[in-house]
C-alpha cells in the first residue's frame, strides 16, 4: 500500500481518475452524538427552540455529503445519485448512519463520513443551549462497494 495523494516530488496532488472505469459505488458510515437523556427526550418531543432537530440534521448531513469536495482538499467533486441519513435513538445518544451512492470513477467514502459528521454537528448546534456536555464520537466507515475493492467492517 502506498499513499496516492503525493506527486513524485512528495507534494500534494489530486489523484487522476480519468483512466478508471465508472461503476456503481456505495459507502455507509456511522457515528453518534452522546448527550443527556433529558436532551434526547426534548428532541423526541420536538421541544428545541431551533426546530425539529432530526429533520434539520438530516438535511444538513445530505448537504454536507454534497459539499464534501468543497471541504476536503483532495476530494473529487462527485455527482451523487443518492444520500440518506437514518437515526437510532438510545438512552444517552443518537446514532447516525449515512448511506451515499454514485455511479462514477471514484468512491463516496468521504461523502458518507462527512454526512455523519455534519449531521452530528447540526444536532450539536441545535441542542447546545440545553446541553453543554455533548460528545461526538466513533465516526467510521462501515461499508464501501464498487471500484477495485469492497470493504465491510466486521
Protein backbone atom coordinates (compact mmCIF):
# COMPACT_ATOMS: atom_id res chain seq x y z
CA UNK A 1 0.00 0.00 0.00
CA UNK A 2 1.15 3.50 -0.77
CA UNK A 3 -0.30 6.95 -0.39
CA UNK A 4 -1.84 8.19 -3.65
CA UNK A 5 -2.17 11.91 -2.91
CA UNK A 6 1.52 12.78 -3.38
CA UNK A 7 3.34 13.51 -6.63
CA UNK A 8 6.88 12.36 -7.47
CA UNK A 9 8.26 15.37 -5.54
CA UNK A 10 6.32 14.49 -2.41
CA UNK A 11 3.85 17.34 -2.83
CA UNK A 12 0.09 17.05 -2.52
CA UNK A 13 -1.89 16.22 -5.65
CA UNK A 14 -5.41 15.26 -6.59
CA UNK A 15 -5.47 11.68 -7.86
CA UNK A 16 -6.16 11.37 -11.60
CA UNK A 17 -9.16 9.05 -12.03
CA UNK A 18 -9.60 9.57 -15.77
CA UNK A 19 -8.49 6.01 -16.60
CA UNK A 20 -10.76 4.34 -14.05
CA UNK A 21 -14.00 2.62 -15.02
CA UNK A 22 -17.33 4.02 -13.95
CA UNK A 23 -19.07 1.66 -11.55
CA UNK A 24 -21.93 1.85 -9.10
CA UNK A 25 -20.47 2.90 -5.79
CA UNK A 26 -21.85 2.98 -2.27
CA UNK A 27 -20.48 3.88 1.15
CA UNK A 28 -22.05 3.61 4.60
CA UNK A 29 -20.68 5.44 7.64
CA UNK A 30 -21.86 5.63 11.24
CA UNK A 31 -21.22 7.65 14.37
CA UNK A 32 -23.02 9.08 17.37
CA UNK A 33 -23.62 12.16 19.43
CA UNK A 34 -23.86 11.46 23.15
CA UNK A 35 -26.00 13.73 25.32
CA UNK A 36 -28.08 13.88 28.47
CA UNK A 37 -31.20 11.67 28.39
CA UNK A 38 -33.27 14.81 29.03
CA UNK A 39 -31.91 16.31 25.82
CA UNK A 40 -32.88 13.16 23.92
CA UNK A 41 -36.41 13.49 25.26
CA UNK A 42 -36.59 17.14 24.21
CA UNK A 43 -35.54 16.12 20.69
CA UNK A 44 -38.18 13.38 20.56
CA UNK A 45 -40.84 15.73 21.92
CA UNK A 46 -39.77 18.41 19.39
CA UNK A 47 -39.23 20.95 22.16
CA UNK A 48 -35.98 22.51 20.94
CA UNK A 49 -36.34 26.21 20.18
CA UNK A 50 -34.43 25.87 16.90
CA UNK A 51 -36.94 23.39 15.48
CA UNK A 52 -37.20 19.71 14.59
CA UNK A 53 -33.64 18.63 15.36
CA UNK A 54 -33.55 15.34 13.48
CA UNK A 55 -35.21 16.68 10.32
CA UNK A 56 -32.87 19.65 10.16
CA UNK A 57 -29.84 17.46 10.93
CA UNK A 58 -30.87 15.01 8.20
CA UNK A 59 -30.96 17.79 5.60
CA UNK A 60 -27.68 19.18 6.96
CA UNK A 61 -25.99 15.80 6.57
CA UNK A 62 -27.17 15.41 2.99
CA UNK A 63 -25.94 18.93 2.19
CA UNK A 64 -22.61 18.01 3.80
CA UNK A 65 -22.27 14.94 1.59
CA UNK A 66 -22.92 17.09 -1.48
CA UNK A 67 -20.27 19.64 -0.44
CA UNK A 68 -17.52 17.22 0.61
CA UNK A 69 -15.36 18.13 -2.39
CA UNK A 70 -15.50 21.75 -1.22
CA UNK A 71 -14.42 20.87 2.34
CA UNK A 72 -11.76 18.17 1.89
CA UNK A 73 -8.92 19.44 -0.35
CA UNK A 74 -8.15 16.31 -2.41
CA UNK A 75 -11.71 15.01 -2.85
CA UNK A 76 -13.19 14.94 -6.33
CA UNK A 77 -16.47 16.72 -6.99
CA UNK A 78 -18.79 13.76 -7.37
CA UNK A 79 -22.31 13.75 -8.74
CA UNK A 80 -24.18 11.85 -6.04
CA UNK A 81 -27.08 9.67 -7.11
CA UNK A 82 -28.37 9.22 -3.57
CA UNK A 83 -27.78 10.18 0.04
CA UNK A 84 -29.77 9.07 3.06
CA UNK A 85 -29.37 9.67 6.78
CA UNK A 86 -31.03 7.48 9.41
CA UNK A 87 -31.13 7.67 13.18
CA UNK A 88 -31.23 5.19 16.02
CA UNK A 89 -32.14 6.72 19.37
CA UNK A 90 -30.62 5.27 22.53
CA UNK A 91 -30.94 6.42 26.13
CA UNK A 92 -27.98 8.79 26.00
CA UNK A 93 -27.06 9.11 22.32
CA UNK A 94 -28.29 9.47 18.80
CA UNK A 95 -26.65 7.04 16.38
CA UNK A 96 -26.33 8.44 12.87
CA UNK A 97 -25.91 6.33 9.75
CA UNK A 98 -25.30 7.77 6.29
CA UNK A 99 -25.59 5.88 3.01
CA UNK A 100 -24.24 7.63 -0.08
CA UNK A 101 -24.31 6.38 -3.69
CA UNK A 102 -22.97 7.37 -7.08
CA UNK A 103 -22.12 5.94 -10.45
CA UNK A 104 -18.63 7.14 -11.18
CA UNK A 105 -14.87 6.69 -11.23
CA UNK A 106 -14.21 7.21 -7.54
CA UNK A 107 -15.84 6.17 -4.29
CA UNK A 108 -18.03 8.07 -1.85
CA UNK A 109 -16.44 7.09 1.47
CA UNK A 110 -15.54 10.68 2.31
CA UNK A 111 -19.05 11.82 1.44
CA UNK A 112 -20.59 9.27 3.82
CA UNK A 113 -18.16 10.20 6.62
CA UNK A 114 -18.81 13.91 6.04
CA UNK A 115 -22.56 13.32 6.09
CA UNK A 116 -22.34 11.68 9.53
CA UNK A 117 -20.05 14.44 10.82
CA UNK A 118 -22.23 17.31 9.59
CA UNK A 119 -25.38 15.60 10.88
CA UNK A 120 -23.79 15.29 14.33
CA UNK A 121 -22.56 18.89 14.24
CA UNK A 122 -26.04 20.08 13.28
CA UNK A 123 -27.55 18.21 16.22
CA UNK A 124 -24.87 19.74 18.45
CA UNK A 125 -25.66 23.23 17.18
CA UNK A 126 -29.38 22.81 17.71
CA UNK A 127 -29.04 21.40 21.24
CA UNK A 128 -26.05 23.29 22.66
CA UNK A 129 -28.26 25.76 24.54
CA UNK A 130 -29.62 22.99 26.78
CA UNK A 131 -26.69 20.53 26.90
CA UNK A 132 -23.08 21.63 27.22
CA UNK A 133 -21.73 18.09 27.68
CA UNK A 134 -22.47 16.57 24.27
CA UNK A 135 -19.76 14.42 22.71
CA UNK A 136 -19.48 13.40 19.07
CA UNK A 137 -17.75 10.07 18.57
CA UNK A 138 -16.98 6.78 16.85
CA UNK A 139 -17.39 8.08 13.31
CA UNK A 140 -16.24 5.33 10.97
CA UNK A 141 -16.73 3.72 7.61
CA UNK A 142 -18.86 0.57 7.78
CA UNK A 143 -19.10 -0.37 4.12
CA UNK A 144 -17.66 0.52 0.71
CA UNK A 145 -18.86 -1.03 -2.55
CA UNK A 146 -17.76 -0.56 -6.15
CA UNK A 147 -14.41 0.11 -7.76
CA UNK A 148 -11.44 -2.20 -7.35
CA UNK A 149 -12.06 -3.24 -3.76
CA UNK A 150 -15.01 -3.64 -1.44
CA UNK A 151 -14.88 -3.13 2.31
CA UNK A 152 -17.23 -4.31 5.01
CA UNK A 153 -16.42 -3.65 8.68
CA UNK A 154 -16.71 -6.86 10.63
